[in-house]
Amino acid sequence: MLTTMSLREHKKRQLRATIADTALRLFVADGFDAVPVVQVAAAAEVSKRTLFKYFPTKEDLVLHRFADHVDDAARIVRDRPQGETPLTALRFAFRTGLDHHEPTTGLCADPAVVACYRLILATPALATRLTHYLTAGEQSLTEALTLDGSRELDARVAACAISAVHRHLSESNWRAIATGSTAVERHPTAVAEADRAFTLLETGFGAVI
């Protein structure tokens, strides 16, 4: 049975999801730049003030899906089994995500997720805002690696490389799905590319460049 507090939180999550789903539907139908925030608020039956309480910017109405995962890489590093390297843990997590078609890997054919992919690819403002979240995730990973014992410079360079690999792999999968490939069709290529990319991270780039 839900407590008073959990019921309140449940209602907040429902309202947040309703606003975001409404925004995505309008943006996909008419274009991100053509739909003002006040129209989203009216369609979701909330005030503009309430909308901004849940989503600080218009871009966040779409990109909250990424914001919710900013600290994923850092968490994976912190919570990995004793004796396992950070790269091994991150590689396993990404491969598992591919196998489960998780949206953060780009390998997800859920219609709402595909619509989100296409919207981001077609909207410069969203791509720019997405960089903000990617940078925040990179900083979070840097801090986790530093706390794990890496020198600050090593941690920062490693986090930069890991973030770039994750971004490239995800975007490659997004583009394939957004242009008509199914998640099942894309999966073998996605796995092969992920294995190659993480191997390069583990062994270095000296042999290939």
N, C-alpha and C. Protein backbone atom coordinates (compact mmCIF):
# COMPACT_ATOMS: atom_id res chain seq x y z
N MET A 1 0.84 -1.20 0.00
CA MET A 1 0.00 0.00 0.00
C MET A 1 0.88 1.25 0.00
N LEU A 2 0.54 2.22 -0.86
CA LEU A 2 1.34 3.42 -0.95
C LEU A 2 1.16 4.30 0.27
N THR A 3 2.25 4.81 0.82
CA THR A 3 2.17 5.78 1.91
C THR A 3 1.80 7.13 1.32
N THR A 4 1.48 8.09 2.21
CA THR A 4 1.13 9.43 1.74
C THR A 4 2.27 10.04 0.94
N MET A 5 3.52 9.86 1.43
CA MET A 5 4.67 10.43 0.75
C MET A 5 4.91 9.74 -0.59
N SER A 6 4.85 8.40 -0.61
CA SER A 6 5.10 7.70 -1.86
C SER A 6 4.00 7.98 -2.88
N LEU A 7 2.77 8.17 -2.42
CA LEU A 7 1.68 8.52 -3.32
C LEU A 7 1.92 9.89 -3.93
N ARG A 8 2.40 10.82 -3.11
CA ARG A 8 2.70 12.16 -3.61
C ARG A 8 3.81 12.11 -4.66
N GLU A 9 4.85 11.33 -4.38
CA GLU A 9 5.95 11.20 -5.33
C GLU A 9 5.49 10.51 -6.60
N HIS A 10 4.61 9.53 -6.45
CA HIS A 10 4.08 8.83 -7.62
C HIS A 10 3.31 9.79 -8.52
N LYS A 11 2.52 10.67 -7.92
CA LYS A 11 1.75 11.64 -8.70
C LYS A 11 2.68 12.63 -9.39
N LYS A 12 3.76 13.01 -8.71
CA LYS A 12 4.73 13.92 -9.32
C LYS A 12 5.39 13.27 -10.53
N ARG A 13 5.75 12.00 -10.39
CA ARG A 13 6.37 11.29 -11.52
C ARG A 13 5.40 11.16 -12.68
N GLN A 14 4.14 10.90 -12.36
CA GLN A 14 3.13 10.78 -13.41
C GLN A 14 2.95 12.11 -14.15
N LEU A 15 2.90 13.20 -13.39
CA LEU A 15 2.74 14.51 -14.01
C LEU A 15 3.95 14.85 -14.87
N ARG A 16 5.13 14.56 -14.37
CA ARG A 16 6.35 14.82 -15.13
C ARG A 16 6.34 14.04 -16.44
N ALA A 17 5.92 12.78 -16.37
CA ALA A 17 5.87 11.95 -17.58
C ALA A 17 4.82 12.48 -18.55
N THR A 18 3.69 12.92 -18.03
CA THR A 18 2.62 13.46 -18.88
C THR A 18 3.10 14.70 -19.63
N ILE A 19 3.77 15.60 -18.92
CA ILE A 19 4.28 16.81 -19.55
C ILE A 19 5.29 16.46 -20.64
N ALA A 20 6.23 15.56 -20.32
CA ALA A 20 7.27 15.19 -21.28
C ALA A 20 6.68 14.49 -22.50
N ASP A 21 5.74 13.59 -22.28
CA ASP A 21 5.12 12.86 -23.40
C ASP A 21 4.32 13.82 -24.29
N THR A 22 3.64 14.76 -23.66
CA THR A 22 2.87 15.75 -24.42
C THR A 22 3.80 16.61 -25.27
N ALA A 23 4.90 17.03 -24.66
CA ALA A 23 5.87 17.86 -25.38
C ALA A 23 6.45 17.12 -26.58
N LEU A 24 6.84 15.87 -26.37
CA LEU A 24 7.43 15.10 -27.46
C LEU A 24 6.43 14.93 -28.61
N ARG A 25 5.18 14.67 -28.26
CA ARG A 25 4.16 14.50 -29.30
C ARG A 25 4.01 15.78 -30.13
N LEU A 26 3.97 16.92 -29.47
CA LEU A 26 3.83 18.20 -30.18
C LEU A 26 5.08 18.53 -30.99
N PHE A 27 6.24 18.29 -30.41
CA PHE A 27 7.49 18.60 -31.12
C PHE A 27 7.65 17.73 -32.37
N VAL A 28 7.29 16.46 -32.25
CA VAL A 28 7.40 15.56 -33.40
C VAL A 28 6.43 15.97 -34.49
N ALA A 29 5.24 16.39 -34.09
CA ALA A 29 4.20 16.75 -35.07
C ALA A 29 4.51 18.06 -35.79
N ASP A 30 4.98 19.07 -35.03
CA ASP A 30 5.11 20.42 -35.60
C ASP A 30 6.53 20.96 -35.65
N GLY A 31 7.47 20.27 -35.01
CA GLY A 31 8.85 20.76 -34.98
C GLY A 31 9.16 21.43 -33.65
N PHE A 32 10.34 21.18 -33.14
CA PHE A 32 10.72 21.70 -31.82
C PHE A 32 10.65 23.23 -31.77
N ASP A 33 11.20 23.88 -32.78
CA ASP A 33 11.27 25.34 -32.77
C ASP A 33 9.91 26.00 -32.96
N ALA A 34 8.96 25.27 -33.55
CA ALA A 34 7.66 25.86 -33.86
C ALA A 34 6.67 25.80 -32.71
N VAL A 35 6.98 25.02 -31.69
CA VAL A 35 6.04 24.83 -30.58
C VAL A 35 6.52 25.60 -29.35
N PRO A 36 5.82 26.64 -28.92
CA PRO A 36 6.23 27.37 -27.72
C PRO A 36 5.91 26.59 -26.45
N VAL A 37 6.61 26.91 -25.40
CA VAL A 37 6.42 26.22 -24.13
C VAL A 37 4.99 26.39 -23.63
N VAL A 38 4.41 27.56 -23.84
CA VAL A 38 3.05 27.81 -23.36
C VAL A 38 2.06 26.85 -24.02
N GLN A 39 2.32 26.45 -25.26
CA GLN A 39 1.45 25.49 -25.94
C GLN A 39 1.57 24.11 -25.30
N VAL A 40 2.79 23.74 -24.94
CA VAL A 40 3.00 22.45 -24.27
C VAL A 40 2.27 22.44 -22.93
N ALA A 41 2.41 23.52 -22.18
CA ALA A 41 1.76 23.60 -20.87
C ALA A 41 0.24 23.49 -21.01
N ALA A 42 -0.32 24.18 -21.99
CA ALA A 42 -1.77 24.14 -22.19
C ALA A 42 -2.22 22.73 -22.56
N ALA A 43 -1.48 22.08 -23.44
CA ALA A 43 -1.86 20.73 -23.87
C ALA A 43 -1.74 19.72 -22.74
N ALA A 44 -0.78 19.95 -21.84
CA ALA A 44 -0.59 19.06 -20.69
C ALA A 44 -1.48 19.45 -19.51
N GLU A 45 -2.22 20.56 -19.68
CA GLU A 45 -3.14 21.05 -18.65
C GLU A 45 -2.42 21.41 -17.36
N VAL A 46 -1.29 22.10 -17.52
CA VAL A 46 -0.56 22.64 -16.37
C VAL A 46 -0.19 24.08 -16.67
N SER A 47 0.20 24.81 -15.65
CA SER A 47 0.64 26.19 -15.87
C SER A 47 2.07 26.17 -16.40
N LYS A 48 2.46 27.28 -17.01
CA LYS A 48 3.84 27.40 -17.48
C LYS A 48 4.81 27.31 -16.30
N ARG A 49 4.41 27.87 -15.17
CA ARG A 49 5.25 27.82 -13.97
C ARG A 49 5.45 26.38 -13.51
N THR A 50 4.38 25.59 -13.54
CA THR A 50 4.50 24.19 -13.14
C THR A 50 5.41 23.43 -14.10
N LEU A 51 5.26 23.71 -15.38
CA LEU A 51 6.12 23.04 -16.38
C LEU A 51 7.59 23.30 -16.08
N PHE A 52 7.93 24.56 -15.82
CA PHE A 52 9.33 24.89 -15.57
C PHE A 52 9.82 24.38 -14.22
N LYS A 53 8.90 24.06 -13.33
CA LYS A 53 9.28 23.44 -12.06
C LYS A 53 9.87 22.06 -12.31
N TYR A 54 9.34 21.37 -13.30
CA TYR A 54 9.81 20.02 -13.62
C TYR A 54 10.91 20.02 -14.68
N PHE A 55 10.87 21.00 -15.57
CA PHE A 55 11.83 21.05 -16.67
C PHE A 55 12.37 22.48 -16.80
N PRO A 56 13.60 22.73 -16.35
CA PRO A 56 14.15 24.09 -16.31
C PRO A 56 14.23 24.80 -17.66
N THR A 57 14.41 24.03 -18.75
CA THR A 57 14.48 24.63 -20.08
C THR A 57 13.58 23.86 -21.03
N LYS A 58 13.27 24.48 -22.14
CA LYS A 58 12.46 23.82 -23.17
C LYS A 58 13.15 22.56 -23.66
N GLU A 59 14.47 22.63 -23.84
CA GLU A 59 15.22 21.47 -24.32
C GLU A 59 15.12 20.28 -23.36
N ASP A 60 15.00 20.58 -22.07
CA ASP A 60 14.93 19.50 -21.08
C ASP A 60 13.65 18.69 -21.20
N LEU A 61 12.64 19.23 -21.85
CA LEU A 61 11.41 18.46 -22.08
C LEU A 61 11.70 17.21 -22.92
N VAL A 62 12.73 17.29 -23.73
CA VAL A 62 13.16 16.14 -24.53
C VAL A 62 14.34 15.43 -23.89
N LEU A 63 15.31 16.22 -23.44
CA LEU A 63 16.60 15.66 -23.03
C LEU A 63 16.65 15.18 -21.58
N HIS A 64 15.55 15.32 -20.84
CA HIS A 64 15.55 14.79 -19.48
C HIS A 64 15.84 13.29 -19.50
N ARG A 65 15.55 12.64 -20.60
CA ARG A 65 15.82 11.21 -20.74
C ARG A 65 17.32 10.93 -20.63
N PHE A 66 18.13 11.90 -21.02
CA PHE A 66 19.58 11.78 -20.90
C PHE A 66 20.06 12.31 -19.55
N ALA A 67 19.43 13.39 -19.10
CA ALA A 67 19.81 13.98 -17.82
C ALA A 67 19.68 12.97 -16.68
N ASP A 68 18.68 12.11 -16.78
CA ASP A 68 18.45 11.12 -15.73
C ASP A 68 19.56 10.08 -15.66
N HIS A 69 20.44 10.06 -16.69
CA HIS A 69 21.50 9.05 -16.73
C HIS A 69 22.91 9.66 -16.70
N VAL A 70 22.99 10.93 -16.33
CA VAL A 70 24.27 11.64 -16.34
C VAL A 70 25.33 10.92 -15.51
N ASP A 71 24.95 10.38 -14.37
CA ASP A 71 25.92 9.78 -13.45
C ASP A 71 26.06 8.27 -13.62
N ASP A 72 25.50 7.71 -14.67
CA ASP A 72 25.54 6.25 -14.84
C ASP A 72 26.96 5.69 -14.86
N ALA A 73 27.83 6.29 -15.67
CA ALA A 73 29.20 5.76 -15.79
C ALA A 73 29.94 5.84 -14.46
N ALA A 74 29.79 6.96 -13.77
CA ALA A 74 30.44 7.11 -12.47
C ALA A 74 29.91 6.08 -11.48
N ARG A 75 28.60 5.85 -11.50
CA ARG A 75 28.00 4.87 -10.59
C ARG A 75 28.52 3.46 -10.89
N ILE A 76 28.65 3.13 -12.17
CA ILE A 76 29.16 1.81 -12.56
C ILE A 76 30.58 1.62 -12.03
N VAL A 77 31.40 2.66 -12.13
CA VAL A 77 32.77 2.58 -11.62
C VAL A 77 32.77 2.40 -10.10
N ARG A 78 31.95 3.17 -9.42
CA ARG A 78 31.91 3.09 -7.95
C ARG A 78 31.39 1.75 -7.45
N ASP A 79 30.40 1.19 -8.16
CA ASP A 79 29.71 -0.01 -7.67
C ASP A 79 30.23 -1.31 -8.26
N ARG A 80 31.30 -1.27 -9.03
CA ARG A 80 31.79 -2.49 -9.68
C ARG A 80 32.32 -3.48 -8.64
N PRO A 81 32.35 -4.77 -8.99
CA PRO A 81 32.87 -5.79 -8.07
C PRO A 81 34.35 -5.55 -7.74
N GLN A 82 34.74 -5.93 -6.57
CA GLN A 82 36.13 -5.77 -6.15
C GLN A 82 37.04 -6.56 -7.10
N GLY A 83 38.13 -5.93 -7.52
CA GLY A 83 39.08 -6.58 -8.41
C GLY A 83 38.81 -6.36 -9.89
N GLU A 84 37.65 -5.80 -10.22
CA GLU A 84 37.31 -5.54 -11.62
C GLU A 84 37.76 -4.13 -11.99
N THR A 85 38.33 -3.96 -13.17
CA THR A 85 38.79 -2.64 -13.58
C THR A 85 37.60 -1.78 -14.02
N PRO A 86 37.76 -0.46 -13.95
CA PRO A 86 36.68 0.42 -14.41
C PRO A 86 36.27 0.15 -15.86
N LEU A 87 37.25 -0.05 -16.75
CA LEU A 87 36.92 -0.29 -18.15
C LEU A 87 36.16 -1.60 -18.35
N THR A 88 36.54 -2.62 -17.61
CA THR A 88 35.83 -3.90 -17.71
C THR A 88 34.38 -3.73 -17.28
N ALA A 89 34.17 -3.00 -16.20
CA ALA A 89 32.81 -2.77 -15.70
C ALA A 89 31.99 -1.96 -16.69
N LEU A 90 32.59 -0.92 -17.27
CA LEU A 90 31.88 -0.08 -18.23
C LEU A 90 31.57 -0.83 -19.52
N ARG A 91 32.51 -1.65 -19.94
CA ARG A 91 32.30 -2.46 -21.15
C ARG A 91 31.15 -3.44 -20.93
N PHE A 92 31.15 -4.12 -19.80
CA PHE A 92 30.10 -5.08 -19.50
C PHE A 92 28.74 -4.39 -19.44
N ALA A 93 28.70 -3.22 -18.82
CA ALA A 93 27.44 -2.48 -18.69
C ALA A 93 26.90 -2.08 -20.06
N PHE A 94 27.79 -1.62 -20.95
CA PHE A 94 27.32 -1.21 -22.27
C PHE A 94 26.84 -2.41 -23.07
N ARG A 95 27.58 -3.51 -23.00
CA ARG A 95 27.16 -4.73 -23.72
C ARG A 95 25.83 -5.24 -23.19
N THR A 96 25.65 -5.20 -21.89
CA THR A 96 24.38 -5.62 -21.30
C THR A 96 23.25 -4.71 -21.77
N GLY A 97 23.54 -3.41 -21.84
CA GLY A 97 22.55 -2.46 -22.34
C GLY A 97 22.15 -2.75 -23.78
N LEU A 98 23.11 -3.13 -24.60
CA LEU A 98 22.80 -3.51 -25.99
C LEU A 98 21.90 -4.74 -26.02
N ASP A 99 22.22 -5.72 -25.20
CA ASP A 99 21.44 -6.96 -25.18
C ASP A 99 20.00 -6.71 -24.74
N HIS A 100 19.80 -5.70 -23.89
CA HIS A 100 18.46 -5.38 -23.40
C HIS A 100 17.82 -4.21 -24.15
N HIS A 101 18.49 -3.75 -25.21
CA HIS A 101 17.98 -2.66 -26.05
C HIS A 101 17.64 -1.42 -25.22
N GLU A 102 18.56 -1.05 -24.33
CA GLU A 102 18.33 0.11 -23.49
C GLU A 102 18.51 1.40 -24.30
N PRO A 103 17.66 2.39 -24.09
CA PRO A 103 17.74 3.64 -24.86
C PRO A 103 19.09 4.34 -24.79
N THR A 104 19.79 4.23 -23.65
CA THR A 104 21.07 4.93 -23.51
C THR A 104 22.15 4.40 -24.44
N THR A 105 21.95 3.20 -25.00
CA THR A 105 22.91 2.65 -25.96
C THR A 105 22.57 3.04 -27.39
N GLY A 106 21.41 3.68 -27.57
CA GLY A 106 20.96 4.02 -28.91
C GLY A 106 20.27 2.88 -29.61
N LEU A 107 20.29 1.68 -29.02
CA LEU A 107 19.74 0.50 -29.67
C LEU A 107 18.35 0.19 -29.11
N CYS A 108 17.42 1.09 -29.36
CA CYS A 108 16.07 0.92 -28.84
C CYS A 108 15.08 1.35 -29.91
N ALA A 109 14.15 0.46 -30.26
CA ALA A 109 13.20 0.74 -31.32
C ALA A 109 11.82 1.12 -30.81
N ASP A 110 11.71 1.41 -29.52
CA ASP A 110 10.43 1.90 -28.99
C ASP A 110 10.05 3.17 -29.76
N PRO A 111 8.81 3.27 -30.25
CA PRO A 111 8.42 4.42 -31.08
C PRO A 111 8.71 5.78 -30.44
N ALA A 112 8.46 5.91 -29.14
CA ALA A 112 8.71 7.19 -28.48
C ALA A 112 10.20 7.51 -28.44
N VAL A 113 11.01 6.48 -28.23
CA VAL A 113 12.46 6.67 -28.19
C VAL A 113 12.99 7.02 -29.58
N VAL A 114 12.50 6.32 -30.60
CA VAL A 114 12.92 6.61 -31.97
C VAL A 114 12.53 8.04 -32.36
N ALA A 115 11.34 8.45 -31.95
CA ALA A 115 10.91 9.82 -32.23
C ALA A 115 11.84 10.82 -31.56
N CYS A 116 12.28 10.49 -30.36
CA CYS A 116 13.22 11.35 -29.64
C CYS A 116 14.56 11.41 -30.36
N TYR A 117 15.07 10.26 -30.81
CA TYR A 117 16.33 10.23 -31.57
C TYR A 117 16.23 11.15 -32.78
N ARG A 118 15.16 10.98 -33.56
CA ARG A 118 15.01 11.75 -34.79
C ARG A 118 14.90 13.24 -34.52
N LEU A 119 14.21 13.58 -33.45
CA LEU A 119 14.05 14.98 -33.10
C LEU A 119 15.39 15.61 -32.74
N ILE A 120 16.20 14.91 -31.97
CA ILE A 120 17.51 15.43 -31.59
C ILE A 120 18.40 15.60 -32.82
N LEU A 121 18.41 14.60 -33.69
CA LEU A 121 19.24 14.66 -34.88
C LEU A 121 18.85 15.81 -35.80
N ALA A 122 17.57 16.21 -35.75
CA ALA A 122 17.07 17.25 -36.65
C ALA A 122 17.05 18.64 -36.03
N THR A 123 17.42 18.75 -34.74
CA THR A 123 17.27 20.03 -34.03
C THR A 123 18.58 20.48 -33.41
N PRO A 124 19.25 21.47 -33.99
CA PRO A 124 20.53 21.94 -33.45
C PRO A 124 20.48 22.36 -31.98
N ALA A 125 19.38 22.99 -31.56
CA ALA A 125 19.28 23.44 -30.17
C ALA A 125 19.33 22.26 -29.20
N LEU A 126 18.73 21.15 -29.59
CA LEU A 126 18.75 19.97 -28.73
C LEU A 126 20.14 19.34 -28.71
N ALA A 127 20.79 19.31 -29.86
CA ALA A 127 22.14 18.75 -29.92
C ALA A 127 23.10 19.57 -29.06
N THR A 128 22.92 20.89 -29.07
CA THR A 128 23.77 21.76 -28.26
C THR A 128 23.53 21.53 -26.77
N ARG A 129 22.28 21.44 -26.38
CA ARG A 129 21.94 21.21 -24.97
C ARG A 129 22.41 19.83 -24.51
N LEU A 130 22.35 18.85 -25.42
CA LEU A 130 22.80 17.50 -25.08
C LEU A 130 24.27 17.51 -24.68
N THR A 131 25.06 18.37 -25.31
CA THR A 131 26.48 18.48 -24.98
C THR A 131 26.66 18.84 -23.51
N HIS A 132 25.76 19.65 -22.98
CA HIS A 132 25.82 20.04 -21.56
C HIS A 132 25.75 18.81 -20.66
N TYR A 133 24.85 17.90 -20.97
CA TYR A 133 24.70 16.69 -20.16
C TYR A 133 25.88 15.75 -20.34
N LEU A 134 26.38 15.66 -21.55
CA LEU A 134 27.53 14.80 -21.80
C LEU A 134 28.75 15.30 -21.04
N THR A 135 28.92 16.61 -20.99
CA THR A 135 30.04 17.20 -20.25
C THR A 135 29.89 16.95 -18.76
N ALA A 136 28.67 17.05 -18.26
CA ALA A 136 28.42 16.79 -16.84
C ALA A 136 28.72 15.33 -16.50
N GLY A 137 28.35 14.42 -17.39
CA GLY A 137 28.64 13.01 -17.17
C GLY A 137 30.13 12.73 -17.19
N GLU A 138 30.83 13.41 -18.07
CA GLU A 138 32.29 13.26 -18.16
C GLU A 138 32.96 13.73 -16.87
N GLN A 139 32.49 14.85 -16.33
CA GLN A 139 33.05 15.36 -15.08
C GLN A 139 32.77 14.41 -13.92
N SER A 140 31.57 13.87 -13.89
CA SER A 140 31.20 12.92 -12.84
C SER A 140 32.08 11.68 -12.91
N LEU A 141 32.35 11.20 -14.11
CA LEU A 141 33.21 10.03 -14.28
C LEU A 141 34.64 10.35 -13.88
N THR A 142 35.11 11.54 -14.22
CA THR A 142 36.45 11.97 -13.82
C THR A 142 36.60 11.90 -12.30
N GLU A 143 35.61 12.40 -11.60
CA GLU A 143 35.65 12.41 -10.14
C GLU A 143 35.65 10.98 -9.58
N ALA A 144 34.86 10.10 -10.18
CA ALA A 144 34.81 8.72 -9.71
C ALA A 144 36.15 8.01 -9.92
N LEU A 145 36.78 8.25 -11.07
CA LEU A 145 38.08 7.63 -11.35
C LEU A 145 39.16 8.19 -10.44
N THR A 146 39.09 9.48 -10.14
CA THR A 146 40.06 10.09 -9.24
C THR A 146 39.93 9.51 -7.83
N LEU A 147 38.71 9.39 -7.36
CA LEU A 147 38.48 8.81 -6.03
C LEU A 147 38.91 7.34 -5.99
N ASP A 148 38.89 6.71 -7.16
CA ASP A 148 39.28 5.30 -7.25
C ASP A 148 40.80 5.12 -7.20
N GLY A 149 41.54 6.24 -7.31
CA GLY A 149 42.98 6.15 -7.20
C GLY A 149 43.77 6.64 -8.39
N SER A 150 43.09 7.02 -9.47
CA SER A 150 43.79 7.52 -10.65
C SER A 150 44.28 8.94 -10.41
N ARG A 151 45.40 9.29 -11.04
CA ARG A 151 45.85 10.68 -11.00
C ARG A 151 44.82 11.54 -11.72
N GLU A 152 44.72 12.80 -11.32
CA GLU A 152 43.66 13.65 -11.88
C GLU A 152 43.76 13.77 -13.40
N LEU A 153 44.97 13.98 -13.93
CA LEU A 153 45.12 14.09 -15.37
C LEU A 153 44.73 12.79 -16.06
N ASP A 154 45.19 11.67 -15.52
CA ASP A 154 44.85 10.37 -16.11
C ASP A 154 43.33 10.16 -16.09
N ALA A 155 42.72 10.50 -14.96
CA ALA A 155 41.27 10.32 -14.83
C ALA A 155 40.52 11.19 -15.82
N ARG A 156 40.97 12.42 -15.99
CA ARG A 156 40.28 13.34 -16.89
C ARG A 156 40.40 12.89 -18.35
N VAL A 157 41.61 12.48 -18.75
CA VAL A 157 41.81 12.01 -20.12
C VAL A 157 41.02 10.73 -20.37
N ALA A 158 41.04 9.82 -19.40
CA ALA A 158 40.30 8.56 -19.54
C ALA A 158 38.81 8.82 -19.64
N ALA A 159 38.29 9.70 -18.79
CA ALA A 159 36.86 10.01 -18.82
C ALA A 159 36.46 10.63 -20.15
N CYS A 160 37.33 11.48 -20.68
CA CYS A 160 37.07 12.11 -21.98
C CYS A 160 36.98 11.05 -23.07
N ALA A 161 37.93 10.12 -23.07
CA ALA A 161 37.95 9.07 -24.09
C ALA A 161 36.75 8.13 -23.95
N ILE A 162 36.45 7.74 -22.72
CA ILE A 162 35.32 6.83 -22.48
C ILE A 162 34.01 7.49 -22.89
N SER A 163 33.84 8.75 -22.54
CA SER A 163 32.62 9.47 -22.90
C SER A 163 32.48 9.60 -24.41
N ALA A 164 33.60 9.87 -25.08
CA ALA A 164 33.56 9.99 -26.54
C ALA A 164 33.18 8.67 -27.19
N VAL A 165 33.71 7.57 -26.68
CA VAL A 165 33.38 6.26 -27.22
C VAL A 165 31.89 5.96 -27.02
N HIS A 166 31.40 6.21 -25.81
CA HIS A 166 29.99 5.95 -25.53
C HIS A 166 29.10 6.80 -26.44
N ARG A 167 29.47 8.05 -26.60
CA ARG A 167 28.68 8.95 -27.45
C ARG A 167 28.68 8.47 -28.90
N HIS A 168 29.85 8.09 -29.40
CA HIS A 168 29.93 7.63 -30.79
C HIS A 168 29.12 6.36 -31.01
N LEU A 169 29.26 5.40 -30.11
CA LEU A 169 28.53 4.15 -30.25
C LEU A 169 27.02 4.38 -30.20
N SER A 170 26.59 5.20 -29.26
CA SER A 170 25.16 5.47 -29.12
C SER A 170 24.61 6.19 -30.33
N GLU A 171 25.33 7.22 -30.79
CA GLU A 171 24.85 7.99 -31.94
C GLU A 171 24.83 7.14 -33.21
N SER A 172 25.80 6.25 -33.35
CA SER A 172 25.82 5.35 -34.50
C SER A 172 24.59 4.46 -34.50
N ASN A 173 24.23 3.98 -33.33
CA ASN A 173 23.02 3.15 -33.21
C ASN A 173 21.76 3.98 -33.43
N TRP A 174 21.73 5.20 -32.86
CA TRP A 174 20.57 6.09 -33.07
C TRP A 174 20.29 6.26 -34.54
N ARG A 175 21.36 6.59 -35.28
CA ARG A 175 21.19 6.90 -36.70
C ARG A 175 20.69 5.69 -37.47
N ALA A 176 21.19 4.52 -37.12
CA ALA A 176 20.73 3.30 -37.79
C ALA A 176 19.25 3.05 -37.51
N ILE A 177 18.85 3.20 -36.26
CA ILE A 177 17.45 2.97 -35.89
C ILE A 177 16.56 4.05 -36.50
N ALA A 178 17.02 5.30 -36.45
CA ALA A 178 16.21 6.42 -36.97
C ALA A 178 16.00 6.35 -38.47
N THR A 179 16.89 5.64 -39.17
CA THR A 179 16.77 5.54 -40.63
C THR A 179 16.18 4.21 -41.08
N GLY A 180 15.61 3.45 -40.13
CA GLY A 180 14.83 2.29 -40.54
C GLY A 180 15.31 0.92 -40.10
N SER A 181 16.51 0.82 -39.55
CA SER A 181 16.98 -0.48 -39.07
C SER A 181 16.24 -0.87 -37.80
N THR A 182 15.99 -2.15 -37.60
CA THR A 182 15.40 -2.59 -36.35
C THR A 182 16.51 -2.84 -35.33
N ALA A 183 16.15 -2.88 -34.06
CA ALA A 183 17.13 -3.13 -33.02
C ALA A 183 17.76 -4.51 -33.18
N VAL A 184 16.95 -5.48 -33.58
CA VAL A 184 17.46 -6.84 -33.77
C VAL A 184 18.45 -6.88 -34.93
N GLU A 185 18.13 -6.21 -36.02
CA GLU A 185 19.03 -6.17 -37.18
C GLU A 185 20.34 -5.47 -36.84
N ARG A 186 20.26 -4.41 -36.07
CA ARG A 186 21.43 -3.60 -35.75
C ARG A 186 22.31 -4.25 -34.69
N HIS A 187 21.74 -5.12 -33.86
CA HIS A 187 22.44 -5.65 -32.69
C HIS A 187 23.82 -6.25 -32.98
N PRO A 188 23.99 -7.14 -33.97
CA PRO A 188 25.33 -7.72 -34.20
C PRO A 188 26.39 -6.66 -34.52
N THR A 189 26.02 -5.68 -35.34
CA THR A 189 26.96 -4.61 -35.67
C THR A 189 27.26 -3.76 -34.45
N ALA A 190 26.23 -3.47 -33.67
CA ALA A 190 26.41 -2.66 -32.46
C ALA A 190 27.35 -3.35 -31.48
N VAL A 191 27.20 -4.65 -31.32
CA VAL A 191 28.07 -5.41 -30.42
C VAL A 191 29.50 -5.41 -30.93
N ALA A 192 29.67 -5.64 -32.23
CA ALA A 192 31.01 -5.67 -32.81
C ALA A 192 31.71 -4.32 -32.67
N GLU A 193 30.97 -3.24 -32.92
CA GLU A 193 31.55 -1.90 -32.79
C GLU A 193 31.91 -1.60 -31.34
N ALA A 194 31.06 -2.00 -30.41
CA ALA A 194 31.34 -1.77 -28.99
C ALA A 194 32.57 -2.54 -28.55
N ASP A 195 32.67 -3.80 -28.96
CA ASP A 195 33.84 -4.60 -28.59
C ASP A 195 35.12 -3.99 -29.14
N ARG A 196 35.06 -3.54 -30.39
CA ARG A 196 36.24 -2.92 -31.00
C ARG A 196 36.63 -1.63 -30.27
N ALA A 197 35.64 -0.81 -29.98
CA ALA A 197 35.91 0.47 -29.33
C ALA A 197 36.49 0.29 -27.93
N PHE A 198 35.92 -0.62 -27.15
CA PHE A 198 36.43 -0.82 -25.80
C PHE A 198 37.79 -1.51 -25.80
N THR A 199 38.04 -2.34 -26.81
CA THR A 199 39.37 -2.93 -26.94
C THR A 199 40.41 -1.85 -27.20
N LEU A 200 40.07 -0.88 -28.05
CA LEU A 200 40.98 0.23 -28.30
C LEU A 200 41.22 1.05 -27.03
N LEU A 201 40.18 1.23 -26.24
CA LEU A 201 40.36 1.94 -24.97
C LEU A 201 41.31 1.18 -24.05
N GLU A 202 41.19 -0.13 -24.04
CA GLU A 202 41.99 -0.95 -23.13
C GLU A 202 43.43 -1.09 -23.58
N THR A 203 43.65 -1.18 -24.90
CA THR A 203 45.00 -1.46 -25.41
C THR A 203 45.73 -0.23 -25.92
N GLY A 204 44.99 0.85 -26.16
CA GLY A 204 45.60 2.06 -26.68
C GLY A 204 45.48 2.17 -28.19
N PHE A 205 45.75 3.37 -28.70
CA PHE A 205 45.55 3.64 -30.12
C PHE A 205 46.85 3.62 -30.93
N GLY A 206 47.96 3.33 -30.27
CA GLY A 206 49.24 3.40 -30.95
C GLY A 206 49.35 2.50 -32.17
N ALA A 207 48.66 1.36 -32.13
CA ALA A 207 48.78 0.41 -33.23
C ALA A 207 47.89 0.74 -34.42
N VAL A 208 46.97 1.70 -34.24
CA VAL A 208 46.01 1.97 -35.32
C VAL A 208 46.10 3.39 -35.88
N ILE A 209 46.84 4.27 -35.21
CA ILE A 209 46.97 5.64 -35.74
C ILE A 209 48.43 6.07 -35.71
